[in-house]
Amino acid sequence: MPDGALRLSFREWRAHVRSGRLVLCVMMAGATGAALAAQDVPQGQVDWARYDAPTTRYPHGVLGDTVEHGALVIKYAGDPAPRILTLPPERVFEDLAPRLADLDGDGQQEVVVVESHRDLGARLAIYNGAGLIAATPYIGQRFRWLAPVGVGDLDGDGLTEIAYVDRPHLAKILRVWRFEEGRLRQIAQQAGFTNHRIGETDIAGGIRRCGGAPEIIVADGDWQRIVALRLEGGRLVARDAGPHRGRASFATAMAC
C-alpha cells in the first residue's frame, strides 16, 4: 500500500469496517459533493481513516466481493469524535482502504480514495474532515475502475503527485496527476501497464524510494514483466525490473 495507508489484511479490514460506529455525519450532496466552510476543517494530524456503511448498491465486485462502502470516517488527533462523510446513494467508495498523505505541505494530512458513480464509473478523490477537496474526472462508464499506485513527489520539484492505473483490466493506462493549489492536474500518462486483476483483494506494486528518484512499480500489460518508471521532465521513463512471478516479484522490486 502507498505511504500512510492503513496496513490491514483484507479480512481484518473488512471486519474493522463493519465494526465501526457512526458518530458524526456530514452529508455530501450533489454530483461532486459539497465541502464545508474552511473554518470547519479540523486542525492537526489524522489519527486514522477508514470506510464504513457497507453496501451492495454498486455490484461491480472488482475487489473480490460486491460489498463497497458509503461513508468515509476520519479521526483527527484532539477531536473528540470522528468526522463521517456520507456519500449520496449514486456513489460508493470502491477501494481497499483510504490513503493518508500531506499533499500540500501544510503539515495536515489529506485522505486519498477511489469512489465510483453508478453511471460514470470511478474517479480518484481527495477529502479532509470538511469534505471533498478535489477529484479527477470520472472514467465515464459504469463498472470502470482505477487502481491507485501511490502518492509522493515523483520528480523532486516539491509538489505532490498521485499515480494510478486507469482501468487496469482494460485500458491499462498509467496516469500521474499533480496536486497544486487545491486542484488535480494530469501531467503524464503512458499505456501498457497494470497492477490489478479482477477479483484480487489487493493492489500490486507501489512507489519505490531507494535513495534516488522515486520509481513507480507496476506490471506490463500482459503480466510478463515488472516495470519501474520514473517521472522525468514531465514524461514517464520505463525500465525493465525483471520477470513477473506473482506477488513475490513485486516485493523484490519494491525492496531497496
C-alpha atoms as a PDB file:
ATOM      1  CA  MET A   1       0.000   0.000   0.000  1.00  0.00           C
ATOM      2  CA  PRO A   2       1.198   3.579  -0.521  1.00  0.00           C
ATOM      3  CA  ASP A   3       2.719   5.578   2.359  1.00  0.00           C
ATOM      4  CA  GLY A   4       0.178   6.368   5.059  1.00  0.00           C
ATOM      5  CA  ALA A   5      -2.318   3.667   4.087  1.00  0.00           C
ATOM      6  CA  LEU A   6      -3.968   1.566   6.777  1.00  0.00           C
ATOM      7  CA  ARG A   7      -1.907  -1.604   6.887  1.00  0.00           C
ATOM      8  CA  LEU A   8      -4.552  -4.265   7.469  1.00  0.00           C
ATOM      9  CA  SER A   9      -5.132  -7.555   5.710  1.00  0.00           C
ATOM     10  CA  PHE A  10      -8.231  -7.639   3.532  1.00  0.00           C
ATOM     11  CA  ARG A  11     -10.135  -9.794   6.036  1.00  0.00           C
ATOM     12  CA  GLU A  12      -9.022  -7.659   9.003  1.00  0.00           C
ATOM     13  CA  TRP A  13     -10.003  -4.521   7.143  1.00  0.00           C
ATOM     14  CA  ARG A  14     -13.486  -5.806   6.270  1.00  0.00           C
ATOM     15  CA  ALA A  15     -14.058  -6.794   9.911  1.00  0.00           C
ATOM     16  CA  HIS A  16     -12.755  -3.439  11.124  1.00  0.00           C
ATOM     17  CA  VAL A  17     -15.045  -1.545   8.766  1.00  0.00           C
ATOM     18  CA  ARG A  18     -18.140  -3.471   9.767  1.00  0.00           C
ATOM     19  CA  SER A  19     -17.499  -2.970  13.484  1.00  0.00           C
ATOM     20  CA  GLY A  20     -17.263   0.854  13.232  1.00  0.00           C
ATOM     21  CA  ARG A  21     -19.727   3.216  14.912  1.00  0.00           C
ATOM     22  CA  LEU A  22     -21.147   6.288  13.228  1.00  0.00           C
ATOM     23  CA  VAL A  23     -20.723   9.325  15.469  1.00  0.00           C
ATOM     24  CA  LEU A  24     -20.928  12.473  13.345  1.00  0.00           C
ATOM     25  CA  CYS A  25     -22.471  12.502   9.873  1.00  0.00           C
ATOM     26  CA  VAL A  26     -21.713  15.095   7.178  1.00  0.00           C
ATOM     27  CA  MET A  27     -23.913  14.508   4.132  1.00  0.00           C
ATOM     28  CA  MET A  28     -22.229  15.036   0.769  1.00  0.00           C
ATOM     29  CA  ALA A  29     -24.750  16.470  -1.701  1.00  0.00           C
ATOM     30  CA  GLY A  30     -24.770  16.795  -5.463  1.00  0.00           C
ATOM     31  CA  ALA A  31     -22.786  15.118  -8.213  1.00  0.00           C
ATOM     32  CA  THR A  32     -19.395  16.276  -6.922  1.00  0.00           C
ATOM     33  CA  GLY A  33     -20.056  16.636  -3.191  1.00  0.00           C
ATOM     34  CA  ALA A  34     -20.291  19.837  -1.194  1.00  0.00           C
ATOM     35  CA  ALA A  35     -17.389  20.675   1.124  1.00  0.00           C
ATOM     36  CA  LEU A  36     -17.980  22.533   4.359  1.00  0.00           C
ATOM     37  CA  ALA A  37     -16.651  26.037   5.049  1.00  0.00           C
ATOM     38  CA  ALA A  38     -12.918  26.381   5.621  1.00  0.00           C
ATOM     39  CA  GLN A  39     -13.377  27.069   9.328  1.00  0.00           C
ATOM     40  CA  ASP A  40     -14.893  23.592   9.724  1.00  0.00           C
ATOM     41  CA  VAL A  41     -11.713  21.851   8.575  1.00  0.00           C
ATOM     42  CA  PRO A  42     -10.166  20.160  11.632  1.00  0.00           C
ATOM     43  CA  GLN A  43      -6.658  21.180  12.630  1.00  0.00           C
ATOM     44  CA  GLY A  44      -3.870  18.730  13.403  1.00  0.00           C
ATOM     45  CA  GLN A  45      -2.922  15.268  12.252  1.00  0.00           C
ATOM     46  CA  VAL A  46      -5.251  12.499  11.164  1.00  0.00           C
ATOM     47  CA  ASP A  47      -5.039   9.580  13.591  1.00  0.00           C
ATOM     48  CA  TRP A  48      -6.708   7.184  11.168  1.00  0.00           C
ATOM     49  CA  ALA A  49      -9.223   6.904   8.347  1.00  0.00           C
ATOM     50  CA  ARG A  50     -11.406   4.029   7.234  1.00  0.00           C
ATOM     51  CA  TYR A  51     -14.510   3.242   5.232  1.00  0.00           C
ATOM     52  CA  ASP A  52     -17.901   2.461   6.774  1.00  0.00           C
ATOM     53  CA  ALA A  53     -21.562   1.937   5.830  1.00  0.00           C
ATOM     54  CA  PRO A  54     -21.052  -1.265   3.802  1.00  0.00           C
ATOM     55  CA  THR A  55     -23.400  -1.529   0.845  1.00  0.00           C
ATOM     56  CA  THR A  56     -24.082  -3.721  -2.192  1.00  0.00           C
ATOM     57  CA  ARG A  57     -25.738  -0.937  -4.213  1.00  0.00           C
ATOM     58  CA  TYR A  58     -22.861  -0.929  -6.731  1.00  0.00           C
ATOM     59  CA  PRO A  59     -22.362  -4.629  -7.570  1.00  0.00           C
ATOM     60  CA  HIS A  60     -19.112  -4.438  -9.517  1.00  0.00           C
ATOM     61  CA  GLY A  61     -17.170  -6.961  -7.454  1.00  0.00           C
ATOM     62  CA  VAL A  62     -13.777  -5.969  -8.812  1.00  0.00           C
ATOM     63  CA  LEU A  63     -12.067  -6.406  -5.408  1.00  0.00           C
ATOM     64  CA  GLY A  64     -13.334  -9.894  -4.687  1.00  0.00           C
ATOM     65  CA  ASP A  65     -16.890  -9.262  -3.480  1.00  0.00           C
ATOM     66  CA  THR A  66     -19.773  -6.878  -4.096  1.00  0.00           C
ATOM     67  CA  VAL A  67     -19.523  -5.048  -0.760  1.00  0.00           C
ATOM     68  CA  GLU A  68     -18.428  -1.423  -1.147  1.00  0.00           C
ATOM     69  CA  HIS A  69     -18.875   1.497   1.269  1.00  0.00           C
ATOM     70  CA  GLY A  70     -20.987   4.598   1.522  1.00  0.00           C
ATOM     71  CA  ALA A  71     -19.089   6.529   4.192  1.00  0.00           C
ATOM     72  CA  LEU A  72     -15.578   7.739   4.966  1.00  0.00           C
ATOM     73  CA  VAL A  73     -14.618   8.053   8.639  1.00  0.00           C
ATOM     74  CA  ILE A  74     -11.729  10.380   9.541  1.00  0.00           C
ATOM     75  CA  LYS A  75     -10.401  10.703  13.104  1.00  0.00           C
ATOM     76  CA  TYR A  76      -8.294  13.769  13.890  1.00  0.00           C
ATOM     77  CA  ALA A  77      -5.962  13.964  16.867  1.00  0.00           C
ATOM     78  CA  GLY A  78      -7.677  16.046  19.534  1.00  0.00           C
ATOM     79  CA  ASP A  79     -11.138  15.728  18.012  1.00  0.00           C
ATOM     80  CA  PRO A  80     -13.493  14.008  20.468  1.00  0.00           C
ATOM     81  CA  ALA A  81     -15.374  12.211  17.705  1.00  0.00           C
ATOM     82  CA  PRO A  82     -14.583  11.069  14.169  1.00  0.00           C
ATOM     83  CA  ARG A  83     -15.812  13.010  11.161  1.00  0.00           C
ATOM     84  CA  ILE A  84     -18.054  10.863   8.958  1.00  0.00           C
ATOM     85  CA  LEU A  85     -18.613  11.845   5.337  1.00  0.00           C
ATOM     86  CA  THR A  86     -21.544  10.024   3.762  1.00  0.00           C
ATOM     87  CA  LEU A  87     -21.894   9.739   0.002  1.00  0.00           C
ATOM     88  CA  PRO A  88     -25.205  10.147  -1.817  1.00  0.00           C
ATOM     89  CA  PRO A  89     -26.795   6.864  -2.957  1.00  0.00           C
ATOM     90  CA  GLU A  90     -25.420   7.049  -6.508  1.00  0.00           C
ATOM     91  CA  ARG A  91     -21.815   6.838  -5.269  1.00  0.00           C
ATOM     92  CA  VAL A  92     -19.663   4.422  -3.244  1.00  0.00           C
ATOM     93  CA  PHE A  93     -16.091   4.105  -2.120  1.00  0.00           C
ATOM     94  CA  GLU A  94     -14.788   1.246  -4.293  1.00  0.00           C
ATOM     95  CA  ASP A  95     -11.456   0.770  -2.613  1.00  0.00           C
ATOM     96  CA  LEU A  96      -9.396  -1.224  -0.107  1.00  0.00           C
ATOM     97  CA  ALA A  97      -8.517   1.483   2.406  1.00  0.00           C
ATOM     98  CA  PRO A  98      -8.076   5.271   2.452  1.00  0.00           C
ATOM     99  CA  ARG A  99      -4.542   6.635   1.942  1.00  0.00           C
ATOM    100  CA  LEU A 100      -3.196   9.409   4.165  1.00  0.00           C
ATOM    101  CA  ALA A 101      -0.759  11.977   2.784  1.00  0.00           C
ATOM    102  CA  ASP A 102       0.116  15.646   3.296  1.00  0.00           C
ATOM    103  CA  LEU A 103      -0.488  16.690  -0.294  1.00  0.00           C
ATOM    104  CA  ASP A 104       0.106  20.434   0.027  1.00  0.00           C
ATOM    105  CA  GLY A 105       2.883  20.537   2.620  1.00  0.00           C
ATOM    106  CA  ASP A 106       0.856  22.355   5.282  1.00  0.00           C
ATOM    107  CA  GLY A 107       1.507  19.723   7.947  1.00  0.00           C
ATOM    108  CA  GLN A 108      -2.026  18.300   7.769  1.00  0.00           C
ATOM    109  CA  GLN A 109      -2.836  15.044   6.025  1.00  0.00           C
ATOM    110  CA  GLU A 110      -5.446  14.680   3.346  1.00  0.00           C
ATOM    111  CA  VAL A 111      -7.260  11.434   2.503  1.00  0.00           C
ATOM    112  CA  VAL A 112      -6.943   9.904  -0.981  1.00  0.00           C
ATOM    113  CA  VAL A 113      -9.695   7.494  -2.046  1.00  0.00           C
ATOM    114  CA  VAL A 114     -11.309   5.779  -5.011  1.00  0.00           C
ATOM    115  CA  GLU A 115     -15.015   6.417  -5.383  1.00  0.00           C
ATOM    116  CA  SER A 116     -17.385   5.177  -8.075  1.00  0.00           C
ATOM    117  CA  HIS A 117     -20.603   6.536  -9.543  1.00  0.00           C
ATOM    118  CA  ARG A 118     -23.388   4.133 -10.531  1.00  0.00           C
ATOM    119  CA  ASP A 119     -23.429   5.521 -14.107  1.00  0.00           C
ATOM    120  CA  LEU A 120     -19.969   7.085 -14.576  1.00  0.00           C
ATOM    121  CA  GLY A 121     -17.531   4.638 -13.021  1.00  0.00           C
ATOM    122  CA  ALA A 122     -14.564   5.502 -10.840  1.00  0.00           C
ATOM    123  CA  ARG A 123     -12.605   8.628 -10.045  1.00  0.00           C
ATOM    124  CA  LEU A 124      -9.775   9.416  -7.657  1.00  0.00           C
ATOM    125  CA  ALA A 125     -10.791  11.896  -4.962  1.00  0.00           C
ATOM    126  CA  ILE A 126      -9.187  13.843  -2.106  1.00  0.00           C
ATOM    127  CA  TYR A 127     -11.037  14.573   1.121  1.00  0.00           C
ATOM    128  CA  ASN A 128     -10.445  16.097   4.520  1.00  0.00           C
ATOM    129  CA  GLY A 129     -12.733  16.212   7.533  1.00  0.00           C
ATOM    130  CA  ALA A 130     -14.760  19.021   5.957  1.00  0.00           C
ATOM    131  CA  GLY A 131     -15.499  17.215   2.707  1.00  0.00           C
ATOM    132  CA  LEU A 132     -14.313  16.921  -0.872  1.00  0.00           C
ATOM    133  CA  ILE A 133     -11.207  18.907  -1.839  1.00  0.00           C
ATOM    134  CA  ALA A 134     -10.519  17.775  -5.422  1.00  0.00           C
ATOM    135  CA  ALA A 135     -11.150  14.884  -7.788  1.00  0.00           C
ATOM    136  CA  THR A 136     -10.214  13.608 -11.214  1.00  0.00           C
ATOM    137  CA  PRO A 137     -12.983  13.258 -13.806  1.00  0.00           C
ATOM    138  CA  TYR A 138     -14.993  10.047 -13.655  1.00  0.00           C
ATOM    139  CA  ILE A 139     -13.837   7.453 -16.173  1.00  0.00           C
ATOM    140  CA  GLY A 140     -17.259   7.861 -17.773  1.00  0.00           C
ATOM    141  CA  GLN A 141     -18.856   4.421 -17.774  1.00  0.00           C
ATOM    142  CA  ARG A 142     -20.419   2.183 -15.126  1.00  0.00           C
ATOM    143  CA  PHE A 143     -18.168  -0.603 -13.797  1.00  0.00           C
ATOM    144  CA  ARG A 144     -14.953   1.032 -14.938  1.00  0.00           C
ATOM    145  CA  TRP A 145     -12.378   1.302 -12.165  1.00  0.00           C
ATOM    146  CA  LEU A 146      -8.921   2.647 -11.354  1.00  0.00           C
ATOM    147  CA  ALA A 147      -6.229   1.168  -9.099  1.00  0.00           C
ATOM    148  CA  PRO A 148      -4.008   3.578  -7.132  1.00  0.00           C
ATOM    149  CA  VAL A 149      -0.236   3.111  -7.222  1.00  0.00           C
ATOM    150  CA  GLY A 150       0.921   5.696  -4.690  1.00  0.00           C
ATOM    151  CA  VAL A 151       1.476   9.265  -3.596  1.00  0.00           C
ATOM    152  CA  GLY A 152       4.680  11.323  -3.465  1.00  0.00           C
ATOM    153  CA  ASP A 153       6.924  13.922  -5.041  1.00  0.00           C
ATOM    154  CA  LEU A 154       7.903  11.878  -8.077  1.00  0.00           C
ATOM    155  CA  ASP A 155      10.161  14.414  -9.808  1.00  0.00           C
ATOM    156  CA  GLY A 156      11.737  16.330  -6.924  1.00  0.00           C
ATOM    157  CA  ASP A 157      10.038  19.675  -7.582  1.00  0.00           C
ATOM    158  CA  GLY A 158       8.439  19.924  -4.161  1.00  0.00           C
ATOM    159  CA  LEU A 159       4.915  19.220  -5.408  1.00  0.00           C
ATOM    160  CA  THR A 160       2.986  16.018  -4.783  1.00  0.00           C
ATOM    161  CA  GLU A 161       1.910  13.576  -7.473  1.00  0.00           C
ATOM    162  CA  ILE A 162      -0.619  10.752  -7.335  1.00  0.00           C
ATOM    163  CA  ALA A 163      -0.257   7.787  -9.686  1.00  0.00           C
ATOM    164  CA  TYR A 164      -2.903   5.235 -10.618  1.00  0.00           C
ATOM    165  CA  VAL A 165      -3.693   2.739 -13.349  1.00  0.00           C
ATOM    166  CA  ASP A 166      -6.819   3.692 -15.267  1.00  0.00           C
ATOM    167  CA  ARG A 167      -8.877   0.541 -15.987  1.00  0.00           C
ATOM    168  CA  PRO A 168      -6.129  -1.962 -15.069  1.00  0.00           C
ATOM    169  CA  HIS A 169      -8.107  -4.789 -16.700  1.00  0.00           C
ATOM    170  CA  LEU A 170      -8.948  -2.979 -19.956  1.00  0.00           C
ATOM    171  CA  ALA A 171      -7.242   0.269 -20.963  1.00  0.00           C
ATOM    172  CA  LYS A 172      -4.174  -0.278 -18.700  1.00  0.00           C
ATOM    173  CA  ILE A 173      -3.093   3.375 -18.720  1.00  0.00           C
ATOM    174  CA  LEU A 174      -0.734   4.642 -16.032  1.00  0.00           C
ATOM    175  CA  ARG A 175      -1.701   8.229 -15.170  1.00  0.00           C
ATOM    176  CA  VAL A 176       0.106  10.751 -12.968  1.00  0.00           C
ATOM    177  CA  TRP A 177      -1.741  13.731 -11.505  1.00  0.00           C
ATOM    178  CA  ARG A 178      -0.192  16.669  -9.654  1.00  0.00           C
ATOM    179  CA  PHE A 179      -1.913  18.300  -6.680  1.00  0.00           C
ATOM    180  CA  GLU A 180      -1.314  22.051  -6.710  1.00  0.00           C
ATOM    181  CA  GLU A 181      -3.309  24.989  -5.336  1.00  0.00           C
ATOM    182  CA  GLY A 182      -6.114  22.681  -4.288  1.00  0.00           C
ATOM    183  CA  ARG A 183      -6.553  21.084  -7.709  1.00  0.00           C
ATOM    184  CA  LEU A 184      -5.533  17.920  -9.520  1.00  0.00           C
ATOM    185  CA  ARG A 185      -3.915  18.235 -12.946  1.00  0.00           C
ATOM    186  CA  GLN A 186      -2.776  15.321 -15.090  1.00  0.00           C
ATOM    187  CA  ILE A 187       0.866  15.728 -16.045  1.00  0.00           C
ATOM    188  CA  ALA A 188       1.818  12.359 -17.582  1.00  0.00           C
ATOM    189  CA  GLN A 189       0.337   9.149 -18.912  1.00  0.00           C
ATOM    190  CA  GLN A 190       1.551   6.017 -20.625  1.00  0.00           C
ATOM    191  CA  ALA A 191      -0.352   2.940 -21.798  1.00  0.00           C
ATOM    192  CA  GLY A 192       0.602  -0.694 -21.345  1.00  0.00           C
ATOM    193  CA  PHE A 193       0.748  -1.172 -17.550  1.00  0.00           C
ATOM    194  CA  THR A 194      -1.364  -2.789 -14.853  1.00  0.00           C
ATOM    195  CA  ASN A 195      -1.400  -3.505 -11.126  1.00  0.00           C
ATOM    196  CA  HIS A 196      -4.599  -5.492 -10.563  1.00  0.00           C
ATOM    197  CA  ARG A 197      -6.596  -8.415 -11.924  1.00  0.00           C
ATOM    198  CA  ILE A 198     -10.350  -8.815 -11.456  1.00  0.00           C
ATOM    199  CA  GLY A 199     -11.158 -10.452  -8.131  1.00  0.00           C
ATOM    200  CA  GLU A 200      -7.806  -9.810  -6.453  1.00  0.00           C
ATOM    201  CA  THR A 201      -8.183  -8.473  -2.913  1.00  0.00           C
ATOM    202  CA  ASP A 202      -5.041  -6.338  -3.071  1.00  0.00           C
ATOM    203  CA  ILE A 203      -3.320  -3.947  -5.471  1.00  0.00           C
ATOM    204  CA  ALA A 204       0.172  -4.848  -6.626  1.00  0.00           C
ATOM    205  CA  GLY A 205       3.258  -2.652  -6.685  1.00  0.00           C
ATOM    206  CA  GLY A 206       3.598   0.889  -5.404  1.00  0.00           C
ATOM    207  CA  ILE A 207       6.148   3.678  -5.298  1.00  0.00           C
ATOM    208  CA  ARG A 208       9.692   2.597  -4.520  1.00  0.00           C
ATOM    209  CA  ARG A 209      12.005   5.005  -2.670  1.00  0.00           C
ATOM    210  CA  CYS A 210      15.516   3.666  -2.572  1.00  0.00           C
ATOM    211  CA  GLY A 211      17.720   6.728  -2.164  1.00  0.00           C
ATOM    212  CA  GLY A 212      17.466   8.031  -5.703  1.00  0.00           C
ATOM    213  CA  ALA A 213      14.458   9.314  -7.606  1.00  0.00           C
ATOM    214  CA  PRO A 214      11.181   7.588  -6.653  1.00  0.00           C
ATOM    215  CA  GLU A 215      10.077   4.849  -9.039  1.00  0.00           C
ATOM    216  CA  ILE A 216       6.608   3.557  -9.846  1.00  0.00           C
ATOM    217  CA  ILE A 217       6.488  -0.251  -9.723  1.00  0.00           C
ATOM    218  CA  VAL A 218       3.805  -1.942 -11.854  1.00  0.00           C
ATOM    219  CA  ALA A 219       3.492  -4.877 -14.265  1.00  0.00           C
ATOM    220  CA  ASP A 220       3.397  -4.717 -18.025  1.00  0.00           C
ATOM    221  CA  GLY A 221       0.002  -5.161 -19.622  1.00  0.00           C
ATOM    222  CA  ASP A 222       0.490  -8.892 -20.165  1.00  0.00           C
ATOM    223  CA  TRP A 223       1.719  -9.639 -16.640  1.00  0.00           C
ATOM    224  CA  GLN A 224       5.019 -10.910 -18.025  1.00  0.00           C
ATOM    225  CA  ARG A 225       7.448  -8.330 -16.636  1.00  0.00           C
ATOM    226  CA  ILE A 226       7.801  -5.978 -13.677  1.00  0.00           C
ATOM    227  CA  VAL A 227       8.391  -2.394 -14.796  1.00  0.00           C
ATOM    228  CA  ALA A 228       9.902   0.565 -12.934  1.00  0.00           C
ATOM    229  CA  LEU A 229       9.022   4.056 -14.161  1.00  0.00           C
ATOM    230  CA  ARG A 230      10.406   7.481 -13.249  1.00  0.00           C
ATOM    231  CA  LEU A 231       8.853  10.855 -13.878  1.00  0.00           C
ATOM    232  CA  GLU A 232      11.472  12.897 -15.722  1.00  0.00           C
ATOM    233  CA  GLY A 233      10.806  16.210 -17.440  1.00  0.00           C
ATOM    234  CA  GLY A 234       7.077  15.581 -17.441  1.00  0.00           C
ATOM    235  CA  ARG A 235       7.474  12.153 -19.079  1.00  0.00           C
ATOM    236  CA  LEU A 236       7.292   8.625 -17.719  1.00  0.00           C
ATOM    237  CA  VAL A 237      10.532   6.754 -18.420  1.00  0.00           C
ATOM    238  CA  ALA A 238      10.286   2.969 -18.068  1.00  0.00           C
ATOM    239  CA  ARG A 239      12.871   0.281 -17.452  1.00  0.00           C
ATOM    240  CA  ASP A 240      12.555  -3.467 -17.071  1.00  0.00           C
ATOM    241  CA  ALA A 241      12.726  -4.703 -13.465  1.00  0.00           C
ATOM    242  CA  GLY A 242      12.620  -8.441 -14.032  1.00  0.00           C
ATOM    243  CA  PRO A 243      10.103 -11.196 -14.750  1.00  0.00           C
ATOM    244  CA  HIS A 244       6.700 -11.305 -13.118  1.00  0.00           C
ATOM    245  CA  ARG A 245       6.248 -14.426 -10.986  1.00  0.00           C
ATOM    246  CA  GLY A 246       3.494 -13.385  -8.629  1.00  0.00           C
ATOM    247  CA  ARG A 247       3.464 -11.028  -5.679  1.00  0.00           C
ATOM    248  CA  ALA A 248       6.984 -12.076  -4.634  1.00  0.00           C
ATOM    249  CA  SER A 249       8.274 -10.373  -7.769  1.00  0.00           C
ATOM    250  CA  PHE A 250       6.664  -7.106  -6.695  1.00  0.00           C
ATOM    251  CA  ALA A 251       8.098  -7.472  -3.200  1.00  0.00           C
ATOM    252  CA  THR A 252      11.574  -7.899  -4.661  1.00  0.00           C
ATOM    253  CA  ALA A 253      11.152  -4.878  -6.908  1.00  0.00           C
ATOM    254  CA  MET A 254       9.873  -2.721  -4.030  1.00  0.00           C
ATOM    255  CA  ALA A 255      12.761  -3.700  -1.729  1.00  0.00           C
ATOM    256  CA  CYS A 256      15.838  -1.473  -1.547  1.00  0.00           C
END
